[in-house]
Amino acid sequence: RKLKKAAADAAPKVFASSSNAWHSLSCPASELNLGVTLACGQSFRWRQLEQEGYWAGVHADKVWLLRRPSEACIEFQVYPPSSSAASDQQVLEDYLRLNGPTLESLYAGWSASDPVFRSVCSQFPDVRVRLLRQQPLENLFSFICSSNNNIARISQLVEKLCKYFGQQICIVDGREYYGFPQLSALCSPEAEPRLRELGFGYRAKFVVESARRLLDLGGADWLHSLRGSAQPDEIRRCLTKEFTGVGRKVADCVCLMSLDQLHLVPVDVHVMRIARSLYGLPACTKSLTESAYQSISDFFPSLWQPHAGWAHTVLFAADLARFQHLKSPAIVDEVKPASLSTETPADAAADGEVESKKLEAERPPAKSGQGTRKRKR
């Protein structure tokens, strides 16, 4: 049957044009590669426009257009704009963590402590990745949608979630942009069947049940209150306990990407392959068991503290097939590159992630007539 948007149809249609004035933000190319940072599977709200080097996305209920006109700066437009460009600039600087440590200092520190990282950076000099500081609500539900998916598919699901359950922000150059849905919209009686019609499958139940539970706990404000906690293990346990479809991997992603736990390293089978092929970790078996997860998540922070999760994101991006064209042909490999994959920091449960009851909830239900594959504990 024909789908109707839950809330977007009632939203005012604000038209804008990218021909408006651009605002400049000092940010050397050595500190940020827009294409890699926005498309490496951290956030799923960004898309490259037809104009080369132009990116459009949604953050904090605003539409952002970004481009790099020179090696020294990036430029942005935002819709709807705040009363001052300085205020919008602060939001963007926070999102890109431009007020934190420089990539130059971070990369130097990681390279000094880890020859593998140093080798990868020499092979991929343009993979200059900033860890995005995302909004916890959107981050949580984006990664709930991520199980058994790649970047392109997750982006499609998140876009549908916003289009059919969120409020329209504006129309820029003929394209509609939507904010992330309110929890109340995701809790409606029509939400789960509609999500299934939109292609969410078993994830539809995870989204609705998690939205209801979060609303009971206090909503987005409660989730945001976890940011910067001095007890990351407790946050992880809380997330896996309270929300359907959230295992340790998803919880670690949320802690790293939106709750300021920059030392955490989320582990999926893609990260396990990197650990095995580049670092030779003996704990890396064919499937990602709980003990293997723990071994890998302990190993990388010992190399890269205190921003181990950020360093992990750099290696992950450099190993993605979509960025292999950035590899410098003049550099002779010092280490054997990890096998390429189109997997994302989003879940890869299909390859056998953590063997815990909570992670089992992230896996799709077995089809009728098929037995459940037994796996080693």
Protein backbone atom coordinates (compact mmCIF):
# COMPACT_ATOMS: atom_id res chain seq x y z
CA ARG A 1 0.00 0.00 0.00
CA LYS A 2 1.04 3.58 -0.50
CA LEU A 3 3.20 4.92 2.31
CA LYS A 4 2.47 8.25 3.92
CA LYS A 5 5.00 10.31 5.81
CA ALA A 6 4.31 10.38 9.52
CA ALA A 7 5.12 14.00 10.19
CA ALA A 8 6.97 15.48 7.26
CA ASP A 9 3.87 16.34 5.21
CA ALA A 10 2.77 18.83 7.84
CA ALA A 11 6.15 20.56 7.96
CA PRO A 12 6.63 23.93 6.28
CA LYS A 13 8.56 23.77 3.03
CA VAL A 14 11.49 26.16 3.25
CA PHE A 15 13.33 26.65 -0.01
CA ALA A 16 16.99 27.57 -0.13
CA SER A 17 19.78 27.69 -2.66
CA SER A 18 23.45 26.77 -2.43
CA SER A 19 24.15 30.00 -4.32
CA ASN A 20 23.89 31.80 -0.97
CA ALA A 21 26.97 33.16 0.79
CA TRP A 22 29.54 30.71 2.15
CA HIS A 23 31.24 31.07 5.54
CA SER A 24 34.91 30.25 5.88
CA LEU A 25 36.39 28.11 8.65
CA SER A 26 40.14 27.74 9.07
CA CYS A 27 40.97 24.05 8.73
CA PRO A 28 44.02 22.84 6.77
CA ALA A 29 43.64 19.83 4.51
CA SER A 30 46.14 18.06 6.75
CA GLU A 31 43.56 18.31 9.54
CA LEU A 32 40.49 17.10 7.63
CA ASN A 33 39.68 15.14 4.51
CA LEU A 34 35.96 15.82 4.08
CA GLY A 35 35.30 12.91 1.76
CA VAL A 36 36.93 10.30 3.98
CA THR A 37 35.63 11.66 7.28
CA LEU A 38 32.02 11.96 6.13
CA ALA A 39 31.84 8.68 4.20
CA CYS A 40 33.76 6.15 6.32
CA GLY A 41 30.76 4.83 8.24
CA GLN A 42 30.70 7.12 11.27
CA SER A 43 27.58 9.07 10.31
CA PHE A 44 25.08 8.08 7.63
CA ARG A 45 23.49 11.47 6.94
CA TRP A 46 26.02 12.81 4.42
CA ARG A 47 26.04 12.61 0.64
CA GLN A 48 28.40 13.96 -2.00
CA LEU A 49 26.75 16.44 -4.35
CA GLU A 50 27.19 16.59 -8.10
CA GLN A 51 29.63 19.46 -7.72
CA GLU A 52 33.00 17.87 -7.02
CA GLY A 53 34.07 18.31 -3.42
CA TYR A 54 30.66 19.44 -2.17
CA TRP A 55 28.97 17.56 0.68
CA ALA A 56 25.48 17.93 2.16
CA GLY A 57 24.19 16.48 5.41
CA VAL A 58 22.05 16.96 8.47
CA HIS A 59 23.35 17.61 11.97
CA ALA A 60 21.60 19.16 14.97
CA ASP A 61 18.37 19.63 12.97
CA LYS A 62 20.12 21.82 10.43
CA VAL A 63 21.19 21.20 6.85
CA TRP A 64 24.90 21.74 6.22
CA LEU A 65 26.68 22.19 2.92
CA LEU A 66 30.46 21.79 3.11
CA ARG A 67 33.26 22.26 0.62
CA ARG A 68 37.02 22.83 0.58
CA PRO A 69 37.96 25.78 -1.64
CA SER A 70 41.63 25.70 -0.65
CA GLU A 71 44.23 23.79 1.34
CA ALA A 72 43.83 26.27 4.19
CA CYS A 73 40.11 26.23 4.94
CA ILE A 74 36.70 24.71 4.46
CA GLU A 75 33.49 26.65 3.80
CA PHE A 76 29.96 25.99 5.00
CA GLN A 77 26.36 26.99 4.53
CA VAL A 78 23.67 26.09 7.04
CA TYR A 79 19.86 26.01 6.83
CA PRO A 80 18.15 27.42 8.73
CA PRO A 81 21.00 29.70 9.83
CA SER A 82 21.34 30.94 13.39
CA SER A 83 21.26 34.64 14.18
CA SER A 84 25.04 34.73 13.76
CA ALA A 85 27.47 32.76 11.62
CA ALA A 86 29.73 32.49 14.66
CA SER A 87 27.12 30.42 16.48
CA ASP A 88 26.78 28.01 13.57
CA GLN A 89 30.55 27.81 13.28
CA GLN A 90 30.78 26.72 16.92
CA VAL A 91 28.34 23.88 16.23
CA LEU A 92 30.38 22.72 13.24
CA GLU A 93 33.68 23.01 15.12
CA ASP A 94 32.26 20.87 17.92
CA TYR A 95 30.96 18.28 15.44
CA LEU A 96 34.35 18.02 13.74
CA ARG A 97 36.24 18.23 17.06
CA LEU A 98 38.29 21.11 15.72
CA ASN A 99 38.78 22.47 19.23
CA GLY A 100 40.47 19.28 20.33
CA PRO A 101 43.90 17.85 19.52
CA THR A 102 45.28 18.34 16.03
CA LEU A 103 45.57 15.43 13.63
CA GLU A 104 49.25 16.25 13.28
CA SER A 105 49.85 15.63 16.99
CA LEU A 106 47.57 12.58 17.13
CA TYR A 107 49.04 10.91 14.06
CA ALA A 108 52.57 11.62 15.30
CA GLY A 109 51.83 10.03 18.66
CA TRP A 110 50.18 6.94 17.18
CA SER A 111 52.97 6.55 14.63
CA ALA A 112 55.62 6.78 17.32
CA SER A 113 54.04 4.01 19.38
CA ASP A 114 52.87 1.81 16.50
CA PRO A 115 54.99 1.05 13.40
CA VAL A 116 51.97 -0.48 11.67
CA PHE A 117 50.01 2.75 12.02
CA ARG A 118 53.05 4.67 10.77
CA SER A 119 53.24 2.43 7.70
CA VAL A 120 49.54 2.78 6.90
CA CYS A 121 49.76 6.56 7.20
CA SER A 122 52.70 6.65 4.81
CA GLN A 123 50.73 4.58 2.32
CA PHE A 124 47.57 6.69 2.72
CA PRO A 125 48.78 10.26 3.35
CA ASP A 126 45.41 11.75 2.38
CA VAL A 127 43.35 9.67 4.83
CA ARG A 128 43.01 12.51 7.32
CA VAL A 129 40.09 11.41 9.47
CA ARG A 130 38.42 13.37 12.21
CA LEU A 131 36.23 11.51 14.67
CA LEU A 132 32.79 13.13 14.47
CA ARG A 133 31.12 14.14 17.74
CA GLN A 134 27.61 12.98 16.98
CA GLN A 135 24.31 13.45 18.74
CA PRO A 136 23.67 10.41 20.97
CA LEU A 137 20.06 9.83 19.90
CA GLU A 138 20.78 9.66 16.19
CA ASN A 139 23.99 7.72 16.77
CA LEU A 140 22.21 5.04 18.81
CA PHE A 141 19.41 4.40 16.35
CA SER A 142 21.68 4.59 13.30
CA PHE A 143 23.75 1.74 14.68
CA ILE A 144 20.69 -0.22 15.74
CA CYS A 145 19.86 -0.14 12.02
CA SER A 146 23.35 -1.26 11.11
CA SER A 147 23.36 -5.01 11.75
CA ASN A 148 24.22 -7.10 8.68
CA ASN A 149 24.56 -4.00 6.53
CA ASN A 150 27.12 -1.94 4.64
CA ILE A 151 27.51 1.83 4.53
CA ALA A 152 25.25 2.38 1.52
CA ARG A 153 22.44 0.24 2.90
CA ILE A 154 22.60 1.78 6.37
CA SER A 155 22.51 5.26 4.84
CA GLN A 156 19.35 4.32 2.95
CA LEU A 157 17.63 3.04 6.09
CA VAL A 158 18.56 6.08 8.16
CA GLU A 159 17.36 8.36 5.36
CA LYS A 160 14.01 6.53 5.29
CA LEU A 161 13.74 6.74 9.06
CA CYS A 162 14.11 10.52 8.87
CA LYS A 163 11.97 11.04 5.77
CA TYR A 164 8.96 9.10 7.01
CA PHE A 165 9.13 9.84 10.74
CA GLY A 166 11.03 13.12 11.04
CA GLN A 167 10.14 16.74 10.37
CA GLN A 168 11.19 18.38 7.15
CA ILE A 169 13.88 20.99 7.73
CA CYS A 170 14.00 22.60 4.30
CA ILE A 171 14.47 22.05 0.59
CA VAL A 172 17.88 22.99 -0.76
CA ASP A 173 18.37 23.04 -4.52
CA GLY A 174 15.31 20.86 -4.96
CA ARG A 175 16.29 18.19 -2.42
CA GLU A 176 14.30 17.64 0.77
CA TYR A 177 16.11 17.29 4.09
CA TYR A 178 14.64 15.92 7.30
CA GLY A 179 15.61 16.01 10.94
CA PHE A 180 15.99 12.89 13.05
CA PRO A 181 12.61 11.65 14.35
CA GLN A 182 11.22 12.38 17.77
CA LEU A 183 10.97 9.29 19.96
CA SER A 184 7.20 9.67 20.10
CA ALA A 185 7.00 9.17 16.33
CA LEU A 186 9.00 5.94 16.57
CA CYS A 187 6.73 4.66 19.36
CA SER A 188 3.45 5.06 17.47
CA PRO A 189 1.32 1.95 16.76
CA GLU A 190 1.98 2.35 13.04
CA ALA A 191 5.75 2.59 13.41
CA GLU A 192 6.78 -1.07 13.32
CA PRO A 193 4.64 -2.16 10.35
CA ARG A 194 5.64 0.93 8.44
CA LEU A 195 9.32 0.32 9.12
CA ARG A 196 8.93 -3.24 7.85
CA GLU A 197 7.33 -1.94 4.66
CA LEU A 198 10.28 0.40 4.27
CA GLY A 199 12.70 -2.54 4.34
CA PHE A 200 13.94 -2.52 7.94
CA GLY A 201 13.00 -6.17 8.45
CA TYR A 202 13.73 -7.52 11.93
CA ARG A 203 15.38 -4.19 12.81
CA ALA A 204 11.93 -2.56 12.87
CA LYS A 205 11.17 -4.22 16.20
CA PHE A 206 14.54 -3.14 17.60
CA VAL A 207 13.91 0.49 16.66
CA VAL A 208 10.42 0.65 18.16
CA GLU A 209 11.21 -1.23 21.37
CA SER A 210 14.37 0.80 21.97
CA ALA A 211 12.49 4.05 21.35
CA ARG A 212 9.84 3.09 23.89
CA ARG A 213 12.43 2.11 26.48
CA LEU A 214 14.42 5.31 25.97
CA LEU A 215 11.27 7.36 26.35
CA ASP A 216 10.61 5.60 29.67
CA LEU A 217 14.15 6.40 30.84
CA GLY A 218 13.85 10.10 30.09
CA GLY A 219 14.34 10.40 26.35
CA ALA A 220 17.20 12.04 24.49
CA ASP A 221 18.15 14.09 27.56
CA TRP A 222 18.78 10.93 29.57
CA LEU A 223 20.98 9.50 26.82
CA HIS A 224 22.88 12.77 26.49
CA SER A 225 23.47 12.80 30.26
CA LEU A 226 25.74 9.76 29.82
CA ARG A 227 28.21 11.82 27.79
CA GLY A 228 31.65 12.10 29.37
CA SER A 229 30.91 9.69 32.22
CA ALA A 230 33.90 8.47 34.20
CA GLN A 231 32.41 4.95 34.14
CA PRO A 232 32.48 3.75 30.51
CA ASP A 233 32.01 0.10 31.45
CA GLU A 234 28.84 0.99 33.30
CA ILE A 235 27.55 2.96 30.30
CA ARG A 236 28.18 0.00 28.02
CA ARG A 237 26.40 -2.39 30.36
CA CYS A 238 23.50 0.03 30.63
CA LEU A 239 23.12 0.35 26.86
CA THR A 240 23.25 -3.39 26.25
CA LYS A 241 20.83 -4.08 29.08
CA GLU A 242 18.23 -1.45 28.27
CA PHE A 243 17.98 -1.47 24.46
CA THR A 244 16.89 -4.25 22.14
CA GLY A 245 19.37 -4.91 19.35
CA VAL A 246 22.30 -3.32 21.18
CA GLY A 247 25.22 -5.62 21.84
CA ARG A 248 28.71 -4.70 22.94
CA LYS A 249 29.80 -3.59 19.46
CA VAL A 250 26.92 -1.13 19.02
CA ALA A 251 27.31 0.07 22.61
CA ASP A 252 31.02 0.72 22.05
CA CYS A 253 30.25 2.63 18.84
CA VAL A 254 27.78 4.87 20.67
CA CYS A 255 30.19 5.38 23.57
CA LEU A 256 33.01 6.32 21.19
CA MET A 257 31.15 8.43 18.64
CA SER A 258 28.70 10.38 20.77
CA LEU A 259 29.42 9.85 24.48
CA ASP A 260 33.07 11.02 24.50
CA GLN A 261 34.64 7.67 25.39
CA LEU A 262 37.47 8.15 22.91
CA HIS A 263 39.59 5.33 24.31
CA LEU A 264 37.11 2.60 23.35
CA VAL A 265 37.71 0.49 20.24
CA PRO A 266 34.57 -1.12 18.78
CA VAL A 267 35.36 -4.52 17.30
CA ASP A 268 33.63 -6.31 14.45
CA VAL A 269 34.90 -8.96 12.05
CA HIS A 270 36.43 -6.25 9.86
CA VAL A 271 38.47 -4.89 12.77
CA MET A 272 39.32 -8.47 13.70
CA ARG A 273 40.74 -9.04 10.21
CA ILE A 274 42.87 -5.92 10.59
CA ALA A 275 44.09 -7.16 13.97
CA ARG A 276 44.92 -10.56 12.53
CA SER A 277 46.51 -9.58 9.20
CA LEU A 278 48.36 -6.43 10.28
CA TYR A 279 49.15 -7.21 13.92
CA GLY A 280 49.11 -11.01 13.97
CA LEU A 281 47.00 -11.25 17.10
CA PRO A 282 46.74 -14.97 17.96
CA ALA A 283 43.36 -14.45 19.62
CA CYS A 284 41.78 -13.67 16.23
CA THR A 285 39.94 -16.84 15.31
CA LYS A 286 37.57 -17.35 12.38
CA SER A 287 34.60 -16.07 14.36
CA LEU A 288 34.60 -13.17 16.76
CA THR A 289 34.08 -14.72 20.16
CA GLU A 290 33.70 -12.80 23.40
CA SER A 291 37.27 -13.61 24.39
CA ALA A 292 38.59 -12.46 21.00
CA TYR A 293 36.58 -9.24 21.26
CA GLN A 294 38.03 -8.56 24.70
CA SER A 295 41.57 -9.35 23.58
CA ILE A 296 41.37 -6.98 20.59
CA SER A 297 39.62 -4.21 22.51
CA ASP A 298 42.37 -4.40 25.15
CA PHE A 299 45.24 -4.58 22.66
CA PHE A 300 44.60 -1.46 20.59
CA PRO A 301 44.16 0.96 23.52
CA SER A 302 47.50 -0.24 24.86
CA LEU A 303 49.04 1.12 21.63
CA TRP A 304 47.02 4.27 21.06
CA GLN A 305 45.79 5.75 24.35
CA PRO A 306 44.14 8.07 25.15
CA HIS A 307 42.39 8.39 21.76
CA ALA A 308 42.47 4.74 20.71
CA GLY A 309 38.99 4.78 19.20
CA TRP A 310 39.97 7.64 16.93
CA ALA A 311 43.10 5.80 15.73
CA HIS A 312 41.00 2.71 15.06
CA THR A 313 38.72 4.82 12.85
CA VAL A 314 41.72 5.94 10.79
CA LEU A 315 42.89 2.38 10.15
CA PHE A 316 39.36 1.29 9.39
CA ALA A 317 38.92 4.05 6.79
CA ALA A 318 42.28 3.26 5.16
CA ASP A 319 41.23 -0.37 4.76
CA LEU A 320 37.88 0.33 3.08
CA ALA A 321 37.70 -0.54 -0.60
CA ARG A 322 36.15 2.82 -1.43
CA PHE A 323 39.33 4.65 -0.37
CA GLN A 324 41.98 2.45 -1.99
CA HIS A 325 42.42 5.01 -4.76
CA LEU A 326 44.02 7.27 -2.13
CA LYS A 327 46.92 4.88 -1.66
CA SER A 328 50.21 6.46 -2.66
CA PRO A 329 51.80 4.55 -5.57
CA ALA A 330 55.24 5.81 -4.59
CA ILE A 331 55.22 4.05 -1.22
CA VAL A 332 56.44 0.48 -0.90
CA ASP A 333 54.30 -1.44 1.58
CA GLU A 334 56.08 -1.99 4.86
CA VAL A 335 53.31 -4.26 6.10
CA LYS A 336 50.89 -6.56 4.37
CA PRO A 337 47.58 -4.71 3.90
CA ALA A 338 44.48 -6.13 5.51
CA SER A 339 41.95 -7.77 3.21
CA LEU A 340 39.67 -5.17 1.72
CA SER A 341 36.05 -5.01 2.76
CA THR A 342 33.07 -2.76 2.26
CA GLU A 343 31.99 -3.32 5.83
CA THR A 344 31.51 -0.32 8.06
CA PRO A 345 32.10 0.45 11.71
CA ALA A 346 28.45 -0.50 11.82
CA ASP A 347 27.71 -4.12 12.80
CA ALA A 348 28.90 -7.17 10.91
CA ALA A 349 27.02 -9.74 12.96
CA ALA A 350 26.53 -12.04 9.97
CA ASP A 351 30.18 -13.08 10.13
CA GLY A 352 29.88 -14.18 13.72
CA GLU A 353 30.22 -11.32 16.16
CA VAL A 354 30.35 -11.61 19.93
CA GLU A 355 28.75 -14.77 21.25
CA SER A 356 26.55 -13.20 23.87
CA LYS A 357 22.83 -13.36 24.34
CA LYS A 358 22.57 -9.65 23.74
CA LEU A 359 24.33 -9.87 20.41
CA GLU A 360 22.09 -12.72 19.38
CA ALA A 361 19.31 -10.14 19.41
CA GLU A 362 21.20 -8.26 16.69
CA ARG A 363 21.13 -11.26 14.37
CA PRO A 364 18.15 -11.85 12.07
CA PRO A 365 15.78 -14.64 13.09
CA ALA A 366 16.38 -18.00 11.41
CA LYS A 367 14.21 -18.66 8.39
CA SER A 368 11.54 -21.31 8.63
CA GLY A 369 12.95 -24.77 8.09
CA GLN A 370 16.52 -23.75 8.80
CA GLY A 371 18.39 -24.84 11.87
CA THR A 372 20.41 -22.47 13.98
CA ARG A 373 24.11 -22.83 13.25
CA LYS A 374 26.04 -23.85 16.35
CA ARG A 375 29.16 -21.87 17.05
CA LYS A 376 32.00 -22.36 19.46
CA ARG A 377 31.90 -20.49 22.73
